Amino acid sequence: FAVPSLQVLCENGFTPAAIVTGPDRRRGR
């Protein structure tokens, strides 16, 4: 859900200095 917001910021000259996100998790079968 958050990806388009990040992409739009980068496309319009507001590339973040850093990203905060959740830890990698074990997913899938």
Full PDB file with SEQRES, HELIX, SHEET, SSBOND, CRYST1, ORIGX, SCALE, CONECT and MASTER records, all heavy atoms in Angstrom:
SEQRES   1 A   29  PHE ALA VAL PRO SER LEU GLN VAL LEU CYS GLU ASN GLY          
SEQRES   2 A   29  PHE THR PRO ALA ALA ILE VAL THR GLY PRO ASP ARG ARG          
SEQRES   3 A   29  ARG GLY ARG                                                  
HELIX    1 AA1 VAL A    3  GLU A   11  1                                   9    
CRYST1    1.000    1.000    1.000  90.00  90.00  90.00 P 1           1          
ORIGX1      1.000000  0.000000  0.000000        0.00000                         
ORIGX2      0.000000  1.000000  0.000000        0.00000                         
ORIGX3      0.000000  0.000000  1.000000        0.00000                         
SCALE1      1.000000  0.000000  0.000000        0.00000                         
SCALE2      0.000000  1.000000  0.000000        0.00000                         
SCALE3      0.000000  0.000000  1.000000        0.00000                         
ATOM      1  N   PHE A   1       0.820  -1.203   0.000  1.00  0.00           N  
ATOM      2  CA  PHE A   1       0.000   0.000   0.000  1.00  0.00           C  
ATOM      3  C   PHE A   1       0.860   1.262   0.000  1.00  0.00           C  
ATOM      4  O   PHE A   1       0.487   2.288  -0.573  1.00  0.00           O  
ATOM      5  CB  PHE A   1      -0.916   0.009   1.234  1.00  0.00           C  
ATOM      6  CG  PHE A   1      -1.855   1.181   1.297  1.00  0.00           C  
ATOM      7  CD1 PHE A   1      -3.075   1.149   0.642  1.00  0.00           C  
ATOM      8  CD2 PHE A   1      -1.528   2.324   2.016  1.00  0.00           C  
ATOM      9  CE1 PHE A   1      -3.949   2.229   0.684  1.00  0.00           C  
ATOM     10  CE2 PHE A   1      -2.388   3.410   2.077  1.00  0.00           C  
ATOM     11  CZ  PHE A   1      -3.606   3.354   1.405  1.00  0.00           C  
ATOM     12  N   ALA A   2       2.035   1.202   0.623  1.00  0.00           N  
ATOM     13  CA  ALA A   2       2.900   2.380   0.762  1.00  0.00           C  
ATOM     14  C   ALA A   2       3.798   2.617  -0.447  1.00  0.00           C  
ATOM     15  O   ALA A   2       4.364   3.702  -0.589  1.00  0.00           O  
ATOM     16  CB  ALA A   2       3.767   2.236   2.017  1.00  0.00           C  
ATOM     17  N   VAL A   3       3.936   1.639  -1.326  1.00  0.00           N  
ATOM     18  CA  VAL A   3       4.896   1.746  -2.431  1.00  0.00           C  
ATOM     19  C   VAL A   3       4.591   2.907  -3.377  1.00  0.00           C  
ATOM     20  O   VAL A   3       5.497   3.678  -3.728  1.00  0.00           O  
ATOM     21  CB  VAL A   3       4.998   0.409  -3.189  1.00  0.00           C  
ATOM     22  CG1 VAL A   3       5.804   0.570  -4.480  1.00  0.00           C  
ATOM     23  CG2 VAL A   3       5.647  -0.652  -2.294  1.00  0.00           C  
ATOM     24  N   PRO A   4       3.338   3.103  -3.847  1.00  0.00           N  
ATOM     25  CA  PRO A   4       3.089   4.246  -4.732  1.00  0.00           C  
ATOM     26  C   PRO A   4       3.461   5.586  -4.118  1.00  0.00           C  
ATOM     27  O   PRO A   4       3.940   6.486  -4.831  1.00  0.00           O  
ATOM     28  CB  PRO A   4       1.587   4.151  -5.016  1.00  0.00           C  
ATOM     29  CG  PRO A   4       1.269   2.706  -4.865  1.00  0.00           C  
ATOM     30  CD  PRO A   4       2.131   2.257  -3.730  1.00  0.00           C  
ATOM     31  N   SER A   5       3.278   5.751  -2.820  1.00  0.00           N  
ATOM     32  CA  SER A   5       3.650   7.005  -2.164  1.00  0.00           C  
ATOM     33  C   SER A   5       5.152   7.236  -2.243  1.00  0.00           C  
ATOM     34  O   SER A   5       5.613   8.350  -2.537  1.00  0.00           O  
ATOM     35  CB  SER A   5       3.204   6.990  -0.695  1.00  0.00           C  
ATOM     36  OG  SER A   5       1.792   7.001  -0.588  1.00  0.00           O  
ATOM     37  N   LEU A   6       5.929   6.198  -1.997  1.00  0.00           N  
ATOM     38  CA  LEU A   6       7.385   6.321  -2.089  1.00  0.00           C  
ATOM     39  C   LEU A   6       7.807   6.632  -3.521  1.00  0.00           C  
ATOM     40  O   LEU A   6       8.655   7.496  -3.763  1.00  0.00           O  
ATOM     41  CB  LEU A   6       8.039   5.032  -1.601  1.00  0.00           C  
ATOM     42  CG  LEU A   6       9.568   4.966  -1.704  1.00  0.00           C  
ATOM     43  CD1 LEU A   6      10.220   6.096  -0.914  1.00  0.00           C  
ATOM     44  CD2 LEU A   6      10.075   3.609  -1.220  1.00  0.00           C  
ATOM     45  N   GLN A   7       7.202   5.952  -4.474  1.00  0.00           N  
ATOM     46  CA  GLN A   7       7.561   6.168  -5.876  1.00  0.00           C  
ATOM     47  C   GLN A   7       7.249   7.595  -6.326  1.00  0.00           C  
ATOM     48  O   GLN A   7       8.068   8.245  -6.989  1.00  0.00           O  
ATOM     49  CB  GLN A   7       6.810   5.167  -6.759  1.00  0.00           C  
ATOM     50  CG  GLN A   7       7.275   3.725  -6.576  1.00  0.00           C  
ATOM     51  CD  GLN A   7       6.388   2.732  -7.290  1.00  0.00           C  
ATOM     52  OE1 GLN A   7       5.197   2.975  -7.494  1.00  0.00           O  
ATOM     53  NE2 GLN A   7       6.952   1.602  -7.680  1.00  0.00           N  
ATOM     54  N   VAL A   8       6.077   8.101  -5.945  1.00  0.00           N  
ATOM     55  CA  VAL A   8       5.677   9.449  -6.352  1.00  0.00           C  
ATOM     56  C   VAL A   8       6.608  10.500  -5.756  1.00  0.00           C  
ATOM     57  O   VAL A   8       6.968  11.473  -6.421  1.00  0.00           O  
ATOM     58  CB  VAL A   8       4.203   9.706  -5.962  1.00  0.00           C  
ATOM     59  CG1 VAL A   8       3.875  11.186  -6.006  1.00  0.00           C  
ATOM     60  CG2 VAL A   8       3.272   8.947  -6.889  1.00  0.00           C  
ATOM     61  N   LEU A   9       6.990  10.326  -4.511  1.00  0.00           N  
ATOM     62  CA  LEU A   9       7.931  11.272  -3.902  1.00  0.00           C  
ATOM     63  C   LEU A   9       9.247  11.297  -4.673  1.00  0.00           C  
ATOM     64  O   LEU A   9       9.791  12.370  -4.957  1.00  0.00           O  
ATOM     65  CB  LEU A   9       8.179  10.898  -2.444  1.00  0.00           C  
ATOM     66  CG  LEU A   9       7.032  11.156  -1.461  1.00  0.00           C  
ATOM     67  CD1 LEU A   9       7.391  10.632  -0.081  1.00  0.00           C  
ATOM     68  CD2 LEU A   9       6.672  12.632  -1.390  1.00  0.00           C  
ATOM     69  N   CYS A  10       9.769  10.135  -5.018  1.00  0.00           N  
ATOM     70  CA  CYS A  10      11.035  10.066  -5.752  1.00  0.00           C  
ATOM     71  C   CYS A  10      10.905  10.682  -7.143  1.00  0.00           C  
ATOM     72  O   CYS A  10      11.826  11.359  -7.623  1.00  0.00           O  
ATOM     73  CB  CYS A  10      11.499   8.616  -5.861  1.00  0.00           C  
ATOM     74  SG  CYS A  10      11.964   7.869  -4.274  1.00  0.00           S  
ATOM     75  N   GLU A  11       9.776  10.477  -7.787  1.00  0.00           N  
ATOM     76  CA  GLU A  11       9.563  11.007  -9.139  1.00  0.00           C  
ATOM     77  C   GLU A  11       9.454  12.532  -9.159  1.00  0.00           C  
ATOM     78  O   GLU A  11       9.618  13.152 -10.208  1.00  0.00           O  
ATOM     79  CB  GLU A  11       8.296  10.395  -9.738  1.00  0.00           C  
ATOM     80  CG  GLU A  11       8.429   8.907 -10.074  1.00  0.00           C  
ATOM     81  CD  GLU A  11       7.085   8.251 -10.329  1.00  0.00           C  
ATOM     82  OE1 GLU A  11       6.049   8.977 -10.266  1.00  0.00           O  
ATOM     83  OE2 GLU A  11       7.062   7.038 -10.571  1.00  0.00           O  
ATOM     84  N   ASN A  12       9.159  13.122  -7.997  1.00  0.00           N  
ATOM     85  CA  ASN A  12       8.924  14.562  -7.945  1.00  0.00           C  
ATOM     86  C   ASN A  12       9.958  15.324  -7.107  1.00  0.00           C  
ATOM     87  O   ASN A  12       9.678  16.419  -6.613  1.00  0.00           O  
ATOM     88  CB  ASN A  12       7.508  14.826  -7.412  1.00  0.00           C  
ATOM     89  CG  ASN A  12       6.436  14.481  -8.420  1.00  0.00           C  
ATOM     90  OD1 ASN A  12       6.065  15.326  -9.238  1.00  0.00           O  
ATOM     91  ND2 ASN A  12       5.949  13.251  -8.376  1.00  0.00           N  
ATOM     92  N   GLY A  13      11.129  14.770  -6.993  1.00  0.00           N  
ATOM     93  CA  GLY A  13      12.220  15.493  -6.362  1.00  0.00           C  
ATOM     94  C   GLY A  13      12.270  15.431  -4.851  1.00  0.00           C  
ATOM     95  O   GLY A  13      12.978  16.231  -4.222  1.00  0.00           O  
ATOM     96  N   PHE A  14      11.547  14.476  -4.236  1.00  0.00           N  
ATOM     97  CA  PHE A  14      11.550  14.354  -2.779  1.00  0.00           C  
ATOM     98  C   PHE A  14      12.070  12.987  -2.349  1.00  0.00           C  
ATOM     99  O   PHE A  14      11.527  12.371  -1.427  1.00  0.00           O  
ATOM    100  CB  PHE A  14      10.139  14.577  -2.221  1.00  0.00           C  
ATOM    101  CG  PHE A  14       9.584  15.943  -2.470  1.00  0.00           C  
ATOM    102  CD1 PHE A  14       8.585  16.130  -3.420  1.00  0.00           C  
ATOM    103  CD2 PHE A  14      10.049  17.047  -1.783  1.00  0.00           C  
ATOM    104  CE1 PHE A  14       8.056  17.401  -3.662  1.00  0.00           C  
ATOM    105  CE2 PHE A  14       9.539  18.315  -2.016  1.00  0.00           C  
ATOM    106  CZ  PHE A  14       8.541  18.497  -2.963  1.00  0.00           C  
ATOM    107  N   THR A  15      13.106  12.501  -3.014  1.00  0.00           N  
ATOM    108  CA  THR A  15      13.673  11.199  -2.657  1.00  0.00           C  
ATOM    109  C   THR A  15      14.098  11.201  -1.191  1.00  0.00           C  
ATOM    110  O   THR A  15      14.872  12.057  -0.766  1.00  0.00           O  
ATOM    111  CB  THR A  15      14.880  10.871  -3.541  1.00  0.00           C  
ATOM    112  OG1 THR A  15      14.439  10.822  -4.908  1.00  0.00           O  
ATOM    113  CG2 THR A  15      15.487   9.531  -3.162  1.00  0.00           C  
ATOM    114  N   PRO A  16      13.585  10.258  -0.403  1.00  0.00           N  
ATOM    115  CA  PRO A  16      13.912  10.256   1.028  1.00  0.00           C  
ATOM    116  C   PRO A  16      15.399  10.048   1.306  1.00  0.00           C  
ATOM    117  O   PRO A  16      16.093   9.329   0.570  1.00  0.00           O  
ATOM    118  CB  PRO A  16      13.085   9.073   1.565  1.00  0.00           C  
ATOM    119  CG  PRO A  16      11.958   8.934   0.600  1.00  0.00           C  
ATOM    120  CD  PRO A  16      12.553   9.255  -0.736  1.00  0.00           C  
ATOM    121  N   ALA A  17      15.861  10.682   2.364  1.00  0.00           N  
ATOM    122  CA  ALA A  17      17.243  10.479   2.808  1.00  0.00           C  
ATOM    123  C   ALA A  17      17.422   9.078   3.363  1.00  0.00           C  
ATOM    124  O   ALA A  17      18.516   8.512   3.313  1.00  0.00           O  
ATOM    125  CB  ALA A  17      17.596  11.516   3.872  1.00  0.00           C  
ATOM    126  N   ALA A  18      16.332   8.523   3.883  1.00  0.00           N  
ATOM    127  CA  ALA A  18      16.379   7.171   4.444  1.00  0.00           C  
ATOM    128  C   ALA A  18      14.967   6.597   4.470  1.00  0.00           C  
ATOM    129  O   ALA A  18      13.977   7.324   4.404  1.00  0.00           O  
ATOM    130  CB  ALA A  18      16.979   7.185   5.847  1.00  0.00           C  
ATOM    131  N   ILE A  19      14.918   5.279   4.577  1.00  0.00           N  
ATOM    132  CA  ILE A  19      13.664   4.543   4.662  1.00  0.00           C  
ATOM    133  C   ILE A  19      13.630   3.789   5.982  1.00  0.00           C  
ATOM    134  O   ILE A  19      14.637   3.219   6.404  1.00  0.00           O  
ATOM    135  CB  ILE A  19      13.554   3.517   3.501  1.00  0.00           C  
ATOM    136  CG1 ILE A  19      13.606   4.212   2.143  1.00  0.00           C  
ATOM    137  CG2 ILE A  19      12.290   2.677   3.641  1.00  0.00           C  
ATOM    138  CD1 ILE A  19      12.442   5.114   1.860  1.00  0.00           C  
ATOM    139  N   VAL A  20      12.475   3.774   6.618  1.00  0.00           N  
ATOM    140  CA  VAL A  20      12.253   2.925   7.785  1.00  0.00           C  
ATOM    141  C   VAL A  20      11.161   1.934   7.422  1.00  0.00           C  
ATOM    142  O   VAL A  20      10.076   2.323   6.960  1.00  0.00           O  
ATOM    143  CB  VAL A  20      11.831   3.740   9.023  1.00  0.00           C  
ATOM    144  CG1 VAL A  20      11.620   2.805  10.217  1.00  0.00           C  
ATOM    145  CG2 VAL A  20      12.873   4.798   9.356  1.00  0.00           C  
ATOM    146  N   THR A  21      11.424   0.656   7.606  1.00  0.00           N  
ATOM    147  CA  THR A  21      10.441  -0.366   7.268  1.00  0.00           C  
ATOM    148  C   THR A  21      10.552  -1.517   8.262  1.00  0.00           C  
ATOM    149  O   THR A  21      11.422  -1.519   9.141  1.00  0.00           O  
ATOM    150  CB  THR A  21      10.646  -0.867   5.821  1.00  0.00           C  
ATOM    151  OG1 THR A  21       9.546  -1.702   5.439  1.00  0.00           O  
ATOM    152  CG2 THR A  21      11.956  -1.627   5.662  1.00  0.00           C  
ATOM    153  N   GLY A  22       9.667  -2.480   8.145  1.00  0.00           N  
ATOM    154  CA  GLY A  22       9.695  -3.608   9.061  1.00  0.00           C  
ATOM    155  C   GLY A  22      10.840  -4.557   8.768  1.00  0.00           C  
ATOM    156  O   GLY A  22      11.430  -4.532   7.688  1.00  0.00           O  
ATOM    157  N   PRO A  23      11.177  -5.405   9.729  1.00  0.00           N  
ATOM    158  CA  PRO A  23      12.241  -6.396   9.517  1.00  0.00           C  
ATOM    159  C   PRO A  23      11.843  -7.401   8.434  1.00  0.00           C  
ATOM    160  O   PRO A  23      10.652  -7.604   8.166  1.00  0.00           O  
ATOM    161  CB  PRO A  23      12.367  -7.088  10.883  1.00  0.00           C  
ATOM    162  CG  PRO A  23      11.706  -6.164  11.861  1.00  0.00           C  
ATOM    163  CD  PRO A  23      10.622  -5.465  11.099  1.00  0.00           C  
ATOM    164  N   ASP A  24      12.834  -8.006   7.808  1.00  0.00           N  
ATOM    165  CA  ASP A  24      12.554  -9.108   6.886  1.00  0.00           C  
ATOM    166  C   ASP A  24      11.871 -10.229   7.663  1.00  0.00           C  
ATOM    167  O   ASP A  24      12.211 -10.498   8.822  1.00  0.00           O  
ATOM    168  CB  ASP A  24      13.851  -9.638   6.272  1.00  0.00           C  
ATOM    169  CG  ASP A  24      14.531  -8.606   5.373  1.00  0.00           C  
ATOM    170  OD1 ASP A  24      13.948  -7.513   5.189  1.00  0.00           O  
ATOM    171  OD2 ASP A  24      15.627  -8.895   4.879  1.00  0.00           O  
ATOM    172  N   ARG A  25      10.897 -10.881   7.023  1.00  0.00           N  
ATOM    173  CA  ARG A  25      10.164 -11.970   7.680  1.00  0.00           C  
ATOM    174  C   ARG A  25      10.171 -13.217   6.804  1.00  0.00           C  
ATOM    175  O   ARG A  25      10.296 -13.125   5.587  1.00  0.00           O  
ATOM    176  CB  ARG A  25       8.707 -11.553   7.938  1.00  0.00           C  
ATOM    177  CG  ARG A  25       8.542 -10.338   8.833  1.00  0.00           C  
ATOM    178  CD  ARG A  25       9.025 -10.590  10.240  1.00  0.00           C  
ATOM    179  NE  ARG A  25       8.704  -9.477  11.138  1.00  0.00           N  
ATOM    180  CZ  ARG A  25       9.287  -9.271  12.303  1.00  0.00           C  
ATOM    181  NH1 ARG A  25      10.243 -10.082  12.725  1.00  0.00           N  
ATOM    182  NH2 ARG A  25       8.948  -8.250  13.061  1.00  0.00           N  
ATOM    183  N   ARG A  26       9.986 -14.351   7.438  1.00  0.00           N  
ATOM    184  CA  ARG A  26       9.845 -15.597   6.685  1.00  0.00           C  
ATOM    185  C   ARG A  26       8.439 -15.661   6.114  1.00  0.00           C  
ATOM    186  O   ARG A  26       7.465 -15.531   6.845  1.00  0.00           O  
ATOM    187  CB  ARG A  26      10.135 -16.807   7.577  1.00  0.00           C  
ATOM    188  CG  ARG A  26      11.574 -16.841   8.062  1.00  0.00           C  
ATOM    189  CD  ARG A  26      11.912 -18.144   8.766  1.00  0.00           C  
ATOM    190  NE  ARG A  26      13.282 -18.136   9.245  1.00  0.00           N  
ATOM    191  CZ  ARG A  26      14.330 -18.436   8.490  1.00  0.00           C  
ATOM    192  NH1 ARG A  26      14.152 -18.758   7.220  1.00  0.00           N  
ATOM    193  NH2 ARG A  26      15.551 -18.405   8.999  1.00  0.00           N  
ATOM    194  N   ARG A  27       8.353 -15.867   4.802  1.00  0.00           N  
ATOM    195  CA  ARG A  27       7.062 -15.856   4.132  1.00  0.00           C  
ATOM    196  C   ARG A  27       6.965 -17.019   3.153  1.00  0.00           C  
ATOM    197  O   ARG A  27       7.974 -17.575   2.723  1.00  0.00           O  
ATOM    198  CB  ARG A  27       6.865 -14.537   3.367  1.00  0.00           C  
ATOM    199  CG  ARG A  27       6.823 -13.295   4.249  1.00  0.00           C  
ATOM    200  CD  ARG A  27       6.647 -12.033   3.406  1.00  0.00           C  
ATOM    201  NE  ARG A  27       6.488 -10.841   4.226  1.00  0.00           N  
ATOM    202  CZ  ARG A  27       7.487 -10.120   4.692  1.00  0.00           C  
ATOM    203  NH1 ARG A  27       8.724 -10.459   4.413  1.00  0.00           N  
ATOM    204  NH2 ARG A  27       7.256  -9.049   5.435  1.00  0.00           N  
ATOM    205  N   GLY A  28       5.719 -17.356   2.789  1.00  0.00           N  
ATOM    206  CA  GLY A  28       5.492 -18.380   1.782  1.00  0.00           C  
ATOM    207  C   GLY A  28       5.653 -19.787   2.330  1.00  0.00           C  
ATOM    208  O   GLY A  28       5.995 -20.013   3.489  1.00  0.00           O  
ATOM    209  N   ARG A  29       5.409 -20.757   1.453  1.00  0.00           N  
ATOM    210  CA  ARG A  29       5.462 -22.159   1.871  1.00  0.00           C  
ATOM    211  C   ARG A  29       6.867 -22.583   2.261  1.00  0.00           C  
ATOM    212  O   ARG A  29       7.057 -23.419   3.139  1.00  0.00           O  
ATOM    213  CB  ARG A  29       4.939 -23.044   0.741  1.00  0.00           C  
ATOM    214  CG  ARG A  29       3.433 -22.861   0.487  1.00  0.00           C  
ATOM    215  CD  ARG A  29       2.910 -23.869  -0.503  1.00  0.00           C  
ATOM    216  NE  ARG A  29       1.464 -23.724  -0.687  1.00  0.00           N  
ATOM    217  CZ  ARG A  29       0.743 -24.502  -1.481  1.00  0.00           C  
ATOM    218  NH1 ARG A  29       1.341 -25.460  -2.191  1.00  0.00           N  
ATOM    219  NH2 ARG A  29      -0.557 -24.325  -1.592  1.00  0.00           N  
TER     220      ARG A  29                                                      
MASTER        0    0    0    1    0    0    0    6  219    1    0    3          
END                                                                             
